[in-house]
Amino acid sequence: MSKREKAVQVTVDEQKQSDGTTVSALKIGDSTIGTVKPVEDRFEAQLTDGDVYRVKTVDEGVELLLRDYHLHRG
């Protein structure tokens, strides 16, 4: 028998830091699964376990965080 698909509510919270940069926090329900922040000319996607990945765009960072969530926790 196949599993039934379930809908998951994903939100992106943008937070302004004291140095003026905007950090996007990706949340599923009430738990944060990671953040995406600008670093020089690229972006850094950081998972809650501390792993950091360099990506070209915010969208690519969000996709990476979602992929990791579904692979390991979802």
Protein backbone atom coordinates (compact mmCIF):
# COMPACT_ATOMS: atom_id res chain seq x y z
CA MET A 1 0.00 0.00 0.00
CA SER A 2 1.24 3.48 -0.76
CA LYS A 3 1.54 6.27 1.76
CA ARG A 4 -0.87 9.13 1.58
CA GLU A 5 0.71 12.52 0.85
CA LYS A 6 0.33 15.09 3.58
CA ALA A 7 0.47 18.85 3.19
CA VAL A 8 3.19 20.69 5.10
CA GLN A 9 3.02 24.39 5.97
CA VAL A 10 6.35 26.06 5.11
CA THR A 11 7.04 29.72 5.93
CA VAL A 12 10.00 31.99 5.28
CA ASP A 13 10.57 34.56 8.03
CA GLU A 14 12.82 37.46 7.07
CA GLN A 15 14.67 38.97 10.01
CA LYS A 16 16.76 42.13 9.93
CA GLN A 17 20.01 41.83 11.90
CA SER A 18 21.80 44.66 13.71
CA ASP A 19 24.43 44.97 10.95
CA GLY A 20 21.72 45.58 8.33
CA THR A 21 21.71 42.17 6.62
CA THR A 22 18.49 40.26 6.10
CA VAL A 23 18.41 36.61 7.20
CA SER A 24 15.67 34.31 5.90
CA ALA A 25 14.63 31.65 8.42
CA LEU A 26 12.80 28.66 6.97
CA LYS A 27 10.15 27.23 9.31
CA ILE A 28 7.94 24.17 9.17
CA GLY A 29 5.22 24.58 11.77
CA ASP A 30 6.87 26.14 14.82
CA SER A 31 10.35 24.65 14.28
CA THR A 32 13.11 26.36 12.30
CA ILE A 33 14.89 24.02 9.89
CA GLY A 34 17.58 26.46 8.76
CA THR A 35 18.55 29.94 7.63
CA VAL A 36 19.77 31.60 4.44
CA LYS A 37 21.90 34.74 4.72
CA PRO A 38 23.96 36.83 2.28
CA VAL A 39 27.75 36.46 2.46
CA GLU A 40 29.78 38.64 0.07
CA ASP A 41 28.38 38.00 -3.44
CA ARG A 42 26.68 34.67 -2.61
CA PHE A 43 24.48 33.16 0.10
CA GLU A 44 24.98 30.71 2.95
CA ALA A 45 22.37 28.09 3.83
CA GLN A 46 22.82 26.85 7.38
CA LEU A 47 21.02 23.84 8.81
CA THR A 48 20.03 23.66 12.47
CA ASP A 49 22.68 20.95 13.07
CA GLY A 50 25.41 23.41 12.02
CA ASP A 51 26.15 22.31 8.45
CA VAL A 52 26.80 25.31 6.17
CA TYR A 53 26.46 25.31 2.36
CA ARG A 54 27.36 28.07 -0.11
CA VAL A 55 24.66 28.70 -2.73
CA LYS A 56 24.14 31.23 -5.52
CA THR A 57 20.59 32.38 -4.72
CA VAL A 58 18.13 32.48 -1.83
CA ASP A 59 15.82 30.13 -3.75
CA GLU A 60 18.62 27.59 -4.11
CA GLY A 61 19.25 27.81 -0.35
CA VAL A 62 15.57 27.27 0.45
CA GLU A 63 15.47 24.23 -1.87
CA LEU A 64 18.57 22.79 -0.19
CA LEU A 65 17.05 23.21 3.28
CA LEU A 66 13.77 21.58 2.21
CA ARG A 67 15.58 18.72 0.50
CA ASP A 68 17.62 18.03 3.65
CA TYR A 69 14.50 18.19 5.84
CA HIS A 70 12.59 15.70 3.69
CA LEU A 71 15.60 13.39 3.38
CA HIS A 72 16.50 13.20 7.07
CA ARG A 73 13.49 14.26 9.13
CA GLY A 74 10.35 14.24 6.98
